[in-house]
PDB file of N, CA and C in Angstrom:
ATOM      1  N   SER A   1     -41.938   6.577  -0.070  1.00  0.00           N
ATOM      2  CA  SER A   1     -42.631   7.743  -0.557  1.00  0.00           C
ATOM      3  C   SER A   1     -42.255   7.978  -2.006  1.00  0.00           C
ATOM      4  N   GLU A   2     -43.162   8.548  -2.715  1.00  0.00           N
ATOM      5  CA  GLU A   2     -42.913   8.850  -4.116  1.00  0.00           C
ATOM      6  C   GLU A   2     -42.335  10.247  -4.217  1.00  0.00           C
ATOM      7  N   GLY A   3     -41.467  10.413  -5.175  1.00  0.00           N
ATOM      8  CA  GLY A   3     -40.872  11.720  -5.363  1.00  0.00           C
ATOM      9  C   GLY A   3     -39.895  11.693  -6.517  1.00  0.00           C
ATOM     10  N   GLU A   4     -39.265  12.771  -6.684  1.00  0.00           N
ATOM     11  CA  GLU A   4     -38.302  12.901  -7.761  1.00  0.00           C
ATOM     12  C   GLU A   4     -36.914  13.004  -7.155  1.00  0.00           C
ATOM     13  N   PHE A   5     -36.004  12.173  -7.640  1.00  0.00           N
ATOM     14  CA  PHE A   5     -34.648  12.147  -7.110  1.00  0.00           C
ATOM     15  C   PHE A   5     -33.655  12.309  -8.251  1.00  0.00           C
ATOM     16  N   ASP A   6     -32.619  13.065  -7.993  1.00  0.00           N
ATOM     17  CA  ASP A   6     -31.546  13.216  -8.967  1.00  0.00           C
ATOM     18  C   ASP A   6     -30.380  12.342  -8.534  1.00  0.00           C
ATOM     19  N   PHE A   7     -29.757  11.691  -9.484  1.00  0.00           N
ATOM     20  CA  PHE A   7     -28.524  10.975  -9.202  1.00  0.00           C
ATOM     21  C   PHE A   7     -27.669  10.974 -10.461  1.00  0.00           C
ATOM     22  N   TYR A   8     -26.394  10.764 -10.258  1.00  0.00           N
ATOM     23  CA  TYR A   8     -25.444  10.792 -11.353  1.00  0.00           C
ATOM     24  C   TYR A   8     -24.583   9.543 -11.310  1.00  0.00           C
ATOM     25  N   VAL A   9     -24.226   9.055 -12.473  1.00  0.00           N
ATOM     26  CA  VAL A   9     -23.292   7.939 -12.585  1.00  0.00           C
ATOM     27  C   VAL A   9     -22.029   8.506 -13.207  1.00  0.00           C
ATOM     28  N   ASP A  10     -20.933   8.483 -12.425  1.00  0.00           N
ATOM     29  CA  ASP A  10     -19.670   9.026 -12.926  1.00  0.00           C
ATOM     30  C   ASP A  10     -18.961   8.070 -13.869  1.00  0.00           C
ATOM     31  N   ASP A  11     -19.097   6.791 -13.605  1.00  0.00           N
ATOM     32  CA  ASP A  11     -18.363   5.816 -14.405  1.00  0.00           C
ATOM     33  C   ASP A  11     -19.122   4.497 -14.358  1.00  0.00           C
ATOM     34  N   PHE A  12     -19.160   3.832 -15.479  1.00  0.00           N
ATOM     35  CA  PHE A  12     -19.835   2.544 -15.543  1.00  0.00           C
ATOM     36  C   PHE A  12     -19.037   1.640 -16.459  1.00  0.00           C
ATOM     37  N   ILE A  13     -18.716   0.442 -15.983  1.00  0.00           N
ATOM     38  CA  ILE A  13     -17.954  -0.512 -16.784  1.00  0.00           C
ATOM     39  C   ILE A  13     -18.735  -1.812 -16.820  1.00  0.00           C
ATOM     40  N   ALA A  14     -18.929  -2.351 -18.010  1.00  0.00           N
ATOM     41  CA  ALA A  14     -19.582  -3.654 -18.171  1.00  0.00           C
ATOM     42  C   ALA A  14     -18.611  -4.565 -18.903  1.00  0.00           C
ATOM     43  N   ALA A  15     -18.517  -5.797 -18.440  1.00  0.00           N
ATOM     44  CA  ALA A  15     -17.604  -6.755 -19.060  1.00  0.00           C
ATOM     45  C   ALA A  15     -18.099  -8.162 -18.789  1.00  0.00           C
ATOM     46  N   VAL A  16     -17.627  -9.101 -19.574  1.00  0.00           N
ATOM     47  CA  VAL A  16     -18.000 -10.499 -19.360  1.00  0.00           C
ATOM     48  C   VAL A  16     -17.340 -11.002 -18.084  1.00  0.00           C
ATOM     49  N   SER A  17     -17.907 -12.010 -17.504  1.00  0.00           N
ATOM     50  CA  SER A  17     -17.401 -12.583 -16.261  1.00  0.00           C
ATOM     51  C   SER A  17     -15.931 -12.980 -16.412  1.00  0.00           C
ATOM     52  N   GLY A  18     -15.125 -12.632 -15.406  1.00  0.00           N
ATOM     53  CA  GLY A  18     -13.709 -12.975 -15.424  1.00  0.00           C
ATOM     54  C   GLY A  18     -12.811 -11.895 -15.990  1.00  0.00           C
ATOM     55  N   THR A  19     -13.391 -10.841 -16.550  1.00  0.00           N
ATOM     56  CA  THR A  19     -12.604  -9.746 -17.103  1.00  0.00           C
ATOM     57  C   THR A  19     -12.045  -8.897 -15.965  1.00  0.00           C
ATOM     58  N   VAL A  20     -10.756  -8.626 -16.011  1.00  0.00           N
ATOM     59  CA  VAL A  20     -10.128  -7.783 -15.005  1.00  0.00           C
ATOM     60  C   VAL A  20     -10.185  -6.342 -15.494  1.00  0.00           C
ATOM     61  N   THR A  21     -10.774  -5.480 -14.683  1.00  0.00           N
ATOM     62  CA  THR A  21     -10.851  -4.066 -15.042  1.00  0.00           C
ATOM     63  C   THR A  21      -9.923  -3.271 -14.122  1.00  0.00           C
ATOM     64  N   PRO A  22      -9.274  -2.255 -14.662  1.00  0.00           N
ATOM     65  CA  PRO A  22      -8.352  -1.483 -13.824  1.00  0.00           C
ATOM     66  C   PRO A  22      -9.095  -0.681 -12.768  1.00  0.00           C
ATOM     67  N   GLY A  23      -8.513  -0.639 -11.584  1.00  0.00           N
ATOM     68  CA  GLY A  23      -9.085   0.148 -10.504  1.00  0.00           C
ATOM     69  C   GLY A  23      -8.343   1.470 -10.395  1.00  0.00           C
ATOM     70  N   PRO A  24      -8.657   2.227  -9.378  1.00  0.00           N
ATOM     71  CA  PRO A  24      -7.960   3.507  -9.193  1.00  0.00           C
ATOM     72  C   PRO A  24      -6.494   3.267  -8.835  1.00  0.00           C
ATOM     73  N   GLU A  25      -5.650   4.170  -9.259  1.00  0.00           N
ATOM     74  CA  GLU A  25      -4.224   4.076  -8.960  1.00  0.00           C
ATOM     75  C   GLU A  25      -4.010   4.314  -7.464  1.00  0.00           C
ATOM     76  N   ILE A  26      -3.247   3.420  -6.848  1.00  0.00           N
ATOM     77  CA  ILE A  26      -2.943   3.545  -5.420  1.00  0.00           C
ATOM     78  C   ILE A  26      -1.576   4.190  -5.295  1.00  0.00           C
ATOM     79  N   LYS A  27      -1.523   5.342  -4.633  1.00  0.00           N
ATOM     80  CA  LYS A  27      -0.258   6.057  -4.474  1.00  0.00           C
ATOM     81  C   LYS A  27       0.300   5.801  -3.078  1.00  0.00           C
ATOM     82  N   PHE A  28       1.599   5.502  -3.035  1.00  0.00           N
ATOM     83  CA  PHE A  28       2.274   5.246  -1.775  1.00  0.00           C
ATOM     84  C   PHE A  28       3.764   5.448  -1.974  1.00  0.00           C
ATOM     85  N   THR A  29       4.493   5.560  -0.866  1.00  0.00           N
ATOM     86  CA  THR A  29       5.950   5.662  -0.878  1.00  0.00           C
ATOM     87  C   THR A  29       6.500   4.420  -0.204  1.00  0.00           C
ATOM     88  N   LYS A  30       7.420   3.738  -0.894  1.00  0.00           N
ATOM     89  CA  LYS A  30       8.015   2.538  -0.310  1.00  0.00           C
ATOM     90  C   LYS A  30       8.646   2.869   1.037  1.00  0.00           C
ATOM     91  N   GLY A  31       8.307   2.082   2.044  1.00  0.00           N
ATOM     92  CA  GLY A  31       8.862   2.261   3.376  1.00  0.00           C
ATOM     93  C   GLY A  31       8.073   3.192   4.274  1.00  0.00           C
ATOM     94  N   ASP A  32       7.139   3.951   3.724  1.00  0.00           N
ATOM     95  CA  ASP A  32       6.321   4.864   4.529  1.00  0.00           C
ATOM     96  C   ASP A  32       4.995   4.174   4.840  1.00  0.00           C
ATOM     97  N   ILE A  33       5.006   3.302   5.821  1.00  0.00           N
ATOM     98  CA  ILE A  33       3.878   2.415   6.095  1.00  0.00           C
ATOM     99  C   ILE A  33       2.642   3.182   6.554  1.00  0.00           C
ATOM    100  N   ASN A  34       2.827   4.233   7.347  1.00  0.00           N
ATOM    101  CA  ASN A  34       1.677   4.995   7.846  1.00  0.00           C
ATOM    102  C   ASN A  34       1.345   6.207   6.975  1.00  0.00           C
ATOM    103  N   SER A  35       2.020   6.362   5.857  1.00  0.00           N
ATOM    104  CA  SER A  35       1.723   7.428   4.869  1.00  0.00           C
ATOM    105  C   SER A  35       1.747   8.824   5.471  1.00  0.00           C
ATOM    106  N   ASP A  36       2.695   9.071   6.377  1.00  0.00           N
ATOM    107  CA  ASP A  36       2.801  10.407   6.968  1.00  0.00           C
ATOM    108  C   ASP A  36       3.864  11.264   6.283  1.00  0.00           C
ATOM    109  N   GLY A  37       4.473  10.744   5.220  1.00  0.00           N
ATOM    110  CA  GLY A  37       5.467  11.499   4.472  1.00  0.00           C
ATOM    111  C   GLY A  37       6.884  11.359   5.004  1.00  0.00           C
ATOM    112  N   VAL A  38       7.067  10.567   6.064  1.00  0.00           N
ATOM    113  CA  VAL A  38       8.386  10.370   6.677  1.00  0.00           C
ATOM    114  C   VAL A  38       8.623   8.866   6.822  1.00  0.00           C
ATOM    115  N   ARG A  39       9.804   8.414   6.437  1.00  0.00           N
ATOM    116  CA  ARG A  39      10.164   7.008   6.646  1.00  0.00           C
ATOM    117  C   ARG A  39      11.065   6.945   7.872  1.00  0.00           C
ATOM    118  N   ASN A  40      10.544   6.349   8.959  1.00  0.00           N
ATOM    119  CA  ASN A  40      11.282   6.314  10.219  1.00  0.00           C
ATOM    120  C   ASN A  40      11.041   4.991  10.940  1.00  0.00           C
ATOM    121  N   VAL A  41      11.535   4.908  12.189  1.00  0.00           N
ATOM    122  CA  VAL A  41      11.439   3.658  12.944  1.00  0.00           C
ATOM    123  C   VAL A  41       9.987   3.252  13.208  1.00  0.00           C
ATOM    124  N   LEU A  42       9.074   4.197  13.273  1.00  0.00           N
ATOM    125  CA  LEU A  42       7.665   3.858  13.431  1.00  0.00           C
ATOM    126  C   LEU A  42       7.185   3.028  12.242  1.00  0.00           C
ATOM    127  N   ASP A  43       7.616   3.398  11.049  1.00  0.00           N
ATOM    128  CA  ASP A  43       7.240   2.627   9.860  1.00  0.00           C
ATOM    129  C   ASP A  43       7.783   1.202   9.941  1.00  0.00           C
ATOM    130  N   TYR A  44       9.018   1.076  10.435  1.00  0.00           N
ATOM    131  CA  TYR A  44       9.597  -0.256  10.606  1.00  0.00           C
ATOM    132  C   TYR A  44       8.738  -1.081  11.572  1.00  0.00           C
ATOM    133  N   CYS A  45       8.362  -0.490  12.692  1.00  0.00           N
ATOM    134  CA  CYS A  45       7.535  -1.197  13.686  1.00  0.00           C
ATOM    135  C   CYS A  45       6.183  -1.586  13.103  1.00  0.00           C
ATOM    136  N   LEU A  46       5.588  -0.703  12.328  1.00  0.00           N
ATOM    137  CA  LEU A  46       4.295  -1.000  11.697  1.00  0.00           C
ATOM    138  C   LEU A  46       4.434  -2.114  10.668  1.00  0.00           C
ATOM    139  N   ALA A  47       5.543  -2.123   9.927  1.00  0.00           N
ATOM    140  CA  ALA A  47       5.775  -3.188   8.949  1.00  0.00           C
ATOM    141  C   ALA A  47       5.960  -4.529   9.654  1.00  0.00           C
ATOM    142  N   LEU A  48       6.732  -4.543  10.717  1.00  0.00           N
ATOM    143  CA  LEU A  48       6.933  -5.770  11.492  1.00  0.00           C
ATOM    144  C   LEU A  48       5.599  -6.271  12.042  1.00  0.00           C
ATOM    145  N   ASN A  49       4.827  -5.370  12.627  1.00  0.00           N
ATOM    146  CA  ASN A  49       3.512  -5.742  13.144  1.00  0.00           C
ATOM    147  C   ASN A  49       2.607  -6.253  12.019  1.00  0.00           C
ATOM    148  N   GLY A  50       2.678  -5.608  10.871  1.00  0.00           N
ATOM    149  CA  GLY A  50       1.867  -6.040   9.737  1.00  0.00           C
ATOM    150  C   GLY A  50       2.223  -7.439   9.270  1.00  0.00           C
ATOM    151  N   LEU A  51       3.507  -7.758   9.277  1.00  0.00           N
ATOM    152  CA  LEU A  51       3.914  -9.105   8.877  1.00  0.00           C
ATOM    153  C   LEU A  51       3.433 -10.156   9.874  1.00  0.00           C
ATOM    154  N   ILE A  52       3.405  -9.802  11.129  1.00  0.00           N
ATOM    155  CA  ILE A  52       3.002 -10.751  12.166  1.00  0.00           C
ATOM    156  C   ILE A  52       1.474 -10.866  12.255  1.00  0.00           C
ATOM    157  N   ASN A  53       0.791  -9.729  12.288  1.00  0.00           N
ATOM    158  CA  ASN A  53      -0.654  -9.704  12.556  1.00  0.00           C
ATOM    159  C   ASN A  53      -1.525  -9.340  11.370  1.00  0.00           C
ATOM    160  N   GLY A  54      -0.916  -8.998  10.252  1.00  0.00           N
ATOM    161  CA  GLY A  54      -1.673  -8.546   9.091  1.00  0.00           C
ATOM    162  C   GLY A  54      -1.695  -7.030   9.026  1.00  0.00           C
ATOM    163  N   PHE A  55      -1.683  -6.496   7.836  1.00  0.00           N
ATOM    164  CA  PHE A  55      -1.642  -5.048   7.632  1.00  0.00           C
ATOM    165  C   PHE A  55      -3.042  -4.453   7.755  1.00  0.00           C
ATOM    166  N   ASP A  56      -3.079  -3.192   8.195  1.00  0.00           N
ATOM    167  CA  ASP A  56      -4.354  -2.483   8.357  1.00  0.00           C
ATOM    168  C   ASP A  56      -5.001  -2.138   7.021  1.00  0.00           C
ATOM    169  N   SER A  57      -4.168  -1.960   5.989  1.00  0.00           N
ATOM    170  CA  SER A  57      -4.707  -1.566   4.686  1.00  0.00           C
ATOM    171  C   SER A  57      -3.811  -2.097   3.577  1.00  0.00           C
ATOM    172  N   LYS A  58      -4.364  -2.119   2.380  1.00  0.00           N
ATOM    173  CA  LYS A  58      -3.597  -2.541   1.206  1.00  0.00           C
ATOM    174  C   LYS A  58      -2.457  -1.561   0.931  1.00  0.00           C
ATOM    175  N   VAL A  59      -2.684  -0.283   1.179  1.00  0.00           N
ATOM    176  CA  VAL A  59      -1.640   0.726   0.967  1.00  0.00           C
ATOM    177  C   VAL A  59      -0.453   0.457   1.883  1.00  0.00           C
ATOM    178  N   SER A  60      -0.712   0.145   3.142  1.00  0.00           N
ATOM    179  CA  SER A  60       0.364  -0.168   4.086  1.00  0.00           C
ATOM    180  C   SER A  60       1.146  -1.387   3.628  1.00  0.00           C
ATOM    181  N   GLU A  61       0.440  -2.386   3.169  1.00  0.00           N
ATOM    182  CA  GLU A  61       1.102  -3.606   2.702  1.00  0.00           C
ATOM    183  C   GLU A  61       1.958  -3.329   1.464  1.00  0.00           C
ATOM    184  N   LEU A  62       1.446  -2.529   0.553  1.00  0.00           N
ATOM    185  CA  LEU A  62       2.223  -2.169  -0.636  1.00  0.00           C
ATOM    186  C   LEU A  62       3.461  -1.366  -0.263  1.00  0.00           C
ATOM    187  N   ALA A  63       3.332  -0.452   0.685  1.00  0.00           N
ATOM    188  CA  ALA A  63       4.464   0.367   1.116  1.00  0.00           C
ATOM    189  C   ALA A  63       5.521  -0.475   1.819  1.00  0.00           C
ATOM    190  N   ALA A  64       5.110  -1.558   2.469  1.00  0.00           N
ATOM    191  CA  ALA A  64       6.051  -2.436   3.165  1.00  0.00           C
ATOM    192  C   ALA A  64       6.842  -3.311   2.196  1.00  0.00           C
ATOM    193  N   ASP A  65       6.371  -3.466   0.983  1.00  0.00           N
ATOM    194  CA  ASP A  65       7.073  -4.260  -0.031  1.00  0.00           C
ATOM    195  C   ASP A  65       8.169  -3.401  -0.665  1.00  0.00           C
ATOM    196  N   THR A  66       9.241  -3.180   0.075  1.00  0.00           N
ATOM    197  CA  THR A  66      10.284  -2.248  -0.369  1.00  0.00           C
ATOM    198  C   THR A  66      11.096  -2.769  -1.539  1.00  0.00           C
ATOM    199  N   ASP A  67      11.146  -4.094  -1.733  1.00  0.00           N
ATOM    200  CA  ASP A  67      11.919  -4.626  -2.852  1.00  0.00           C
ATOM    201  C   ASP A  67      11.074  -4.857  -4.102  1.00  0.00           C
ATOM    202  N   GLY A  68       9.769  -4.610  -4.003  1.00  0.00           N
ATOM    203  CA  GLY A  68       8.893  -4.670  -5.170  1.00  0.00           C
ATOM    204  C   GLY A  68       8.653  -6.059  -5.729  1.00  0.00           C
ATOM    205  N   ASP A  69       8.803  -7.101  -4.894  1.00  0.00           N
ATOM    206  CA  ASP A  69       8.594  -8.458  -5.394  1.00  0.00           C
ATOM    207  C   ASP A  69       7.141  -8.915  -5.293  1.00  0.00           C
ATOM    208  N   GLY A  70       6.260  -8.021  -4.854  1.00  0.00           N
ATOM    209  CA  GLY A  70       4.847  -8.338  -4.801  1.00  0.00           C
ATOM    210  C   GLY A  70       4.347  -8.822  -3.462  1.00  0.00           C
ATOM    211  N   LYS A  71       5.245  -8.962  -2.492  1.00  0.00           N
ATOM    212  CA  LYS A  71       4.812  -9.368  -1.158  1.00  0.00           C
ATOM    213  C   LYS A  71       5.759  -8.792  -0.116  1.00  0.00           C
ATOM    214  N   ALA A  72       5.198  -8.408   1.013  1.00  0.00           N
ATOM    215  CA  ALA A  72       6.017  -7.901   2.115  1.00  0.00           C
ATOM    216  C   ALA A  72       6.580  -9.093   2.875  1.00  0.00           C
ATOM    217  N   GLY A  73       7.865  -9.020   3.220  1.00  0.00           N
ATOM    218  CA  GLY A  73       8.503 -10.128   3.920  1.00  0.00           C
ATOM    219  C   GLY A  73       9.721  -9.678   4.692  1.00  0.00           C
ATOM    220  N   SER A  74      10.485 -10.643   5.171  1.00  0.00           N
ATOM    221  CA  SER A  74      11.649 -10.343   6.002  1.00  0.00           C
ATOM    222  C   SER A  74      12.713  -9.558   5.241  1.00  0.00           C
ATOM    223  N   ALA A  75      12.856  -9.807   3.944  1.00  0.00           N
ATOM    224  CA  ALA A  75      13.838  -9.057   3.158  1.00  0.00           C
ATOM    225  C   ALA A  75      13.497  -7.569   3.133  1.00  0.00           C
ATOM    226  N   ASP A  76      12.219  -7.248   3.156  1.00  0.00           N
ATOM    227  CA  ASP A  76      11.786  -5.849   3.174  1.00  0.00           C
ATOM    228  C   ASP A  76      12.127  -5.197   4.513  1.00  0.00           C
ATOM    229  N   LEU A  77      11.986  -5.956   5.597  1.00  0.00           N
ATOM    230  CA  LEU A  77      12.363  -5.425   6.913  1.00  0.00           C
ATOM    231  C   LEU A  77      13.865  -5.150   6.981  1.00  0.00           C
ATOM    232  N   ILE A  78      14.660  -6.041   6.419  1.00  0.00           N
ATOM    233  CA  ILE A  78      16.108  -5.836   6.395  1.00  0.00           C
ATOM    234  C   ILE A  78      16.453  -4.582   5.595  1.00  0.00           C
ATOM    235  N   ALA A  79      15.785  -4.394   4.458  1.00  0.00           N
ATOM    236  CA  ALA A  79      16.013  -3.188   3.649  1.00  0.00           C
ATOM    237  C   ALA A  79      15.619  -1.936   4.427  1.00  0.00           C
ATOM    238  N   MET A  80      14.535  -2.005   5.182  1.00  0.00           N
ATOM    239  CA  MET A  80      14.113  -0.855   5.982  1.00  0.00           C
ATOM    240  C   MET A  80      15.147  -0.549   7.071  1.00  0.00           C
ATOM    241  N   GLN A  81      15.691  -1.591   7.685  1.00  0.00           N
ATOM    242  CA  GLN A  81      16.742  -1.391   8.691  1.00  0.00           C
ATOM    243  C   GLN A  81      17.943  -0.690   8.068  1.00  0.00           C
ATOM    244  N   LYS A  82      18.370  -1.166   6.895  1.00  0.00           N
ATOM    245  CA  LYS A  82      19.517  -0.560   6.214  1.00  0.00           C
ATOM    246  C   LYS A  82      19.239   0.897   5.870  1.00  0.00           C
ATOM    247  N   PHE A  83      18.008   1.184   5.464  1.00  0.00           N
ATOM    248  CA  PHE A  83      17.638   2.563   5.136  1.00  0.00           C
ATOM    249  C   PHE A  83      17.716   3.441   6.384  1.00  0.00           C
ATOM    250  N   LEU A  84      17.144   2.950   7.473  1.00  0.00           N
ATOM    251  CA  LEU A  84      17.132   3.736   8.714  1.00  0.00           C
ATOM    252  C   LEU A  84      18.524   3.946   9.285  1.00  0.00           C
ATOM    253  N   LEU A  85      19.435   3.007   9.040  1.00  0.00           N
ATOM    254  CA  LEU A  85      20.814   3.126   9.515  1.00  0.00           C
ATOM    255  C   LEU A  85      21.697   3.927   8.564  1.00  0.00           C
ATOM    256  N   GLY A  86      21.143   4.312   7.417  1.00  0.00           N
ATOM    257  CA  GLY A  86      21.907   5.104   6.451  1.00  0.00           C
ATOM    258  C   GLY A  86      22.813   4.277   5.564  1.00  0.00           C
ATOM    259  N   ILE A  87      22.665   2.960   5.572  1.00  0.00           N
ATOM    260  CA  ILE A  87      23.474   2.098   4.720  1.00  0.00           C
ATOM    261  C   ILE A  87      23.047   2.217   3.276  1.00  0.00           C
ATOM    262  N   ILE A  88      21.740   2.351   3.053  1.00  0.00           N
ATOM    263  CA  ILE A  88      21.200   2.609   1.713  1.00  0.00           C
ATOM    264  C   ILE A  88      20.392   3.906   1.792  1.00  0.00           C
ATOM    265  N   ASP A  89      20.224   4.567   0.647  1.00  0.00           N
ATOM    266  CA  ASP A  89      19.475   5.824   0.662  1.00  0.00           C
ATOM    267  C   ASP A  89      18.169   5.779  -0.125  1.00  0.00           C
ATOM    268  N   SER A  90      17.865   4.609  -0.676  1.00  0.00           N
ATOM    269  CA  SER A  90      16.601   4.446  -1.392  1.00  0.00           C
ATOM    270  C   SER A  90      16.286   2.962  -1.521  1.00  0.00           C
ATOM    271  N   PHE A  91      15.057   2.667  -1.921  1.00  0.00           N
ATOM    272  CA  PHE A  91      14.637   1.300  -2.151  1.00  0.00           C
ATOM    273  C   PHE A  91      14.535   1.078  -3.656  1.00  0.00           C
ATOM    274  N   GLU A  92      15.238   0.105  -4.139  1.00  0.00           N
ATOM    275  CA  GLU A  92      15.239  -0.180  -5.584  1.00  0.00           C
ATOM    276  C   GLU A  92      14.271  -1.277  -5.923  1.00  0.00           C
TER     277      GLU A  92
END
């Protein structure tokens, strides 16, 4: 059908092929896999499951990378265990 429609463009980026453009900032807390504001044993279980079966989201995967090396792995699970046991009080 013909008619008049209003639409808005909030942002538009044009670049040559291969140009990397910044995306929105992803906010997360290291070790808080489910983003509920609490780092607990559930987060550890979700991180373990994510390593075995794949993470549900990019945010969860980023939160599981507690050592900041760019990938979630067994060292991150060990750090989470130490955090939950009170051996460490933060992730560096």
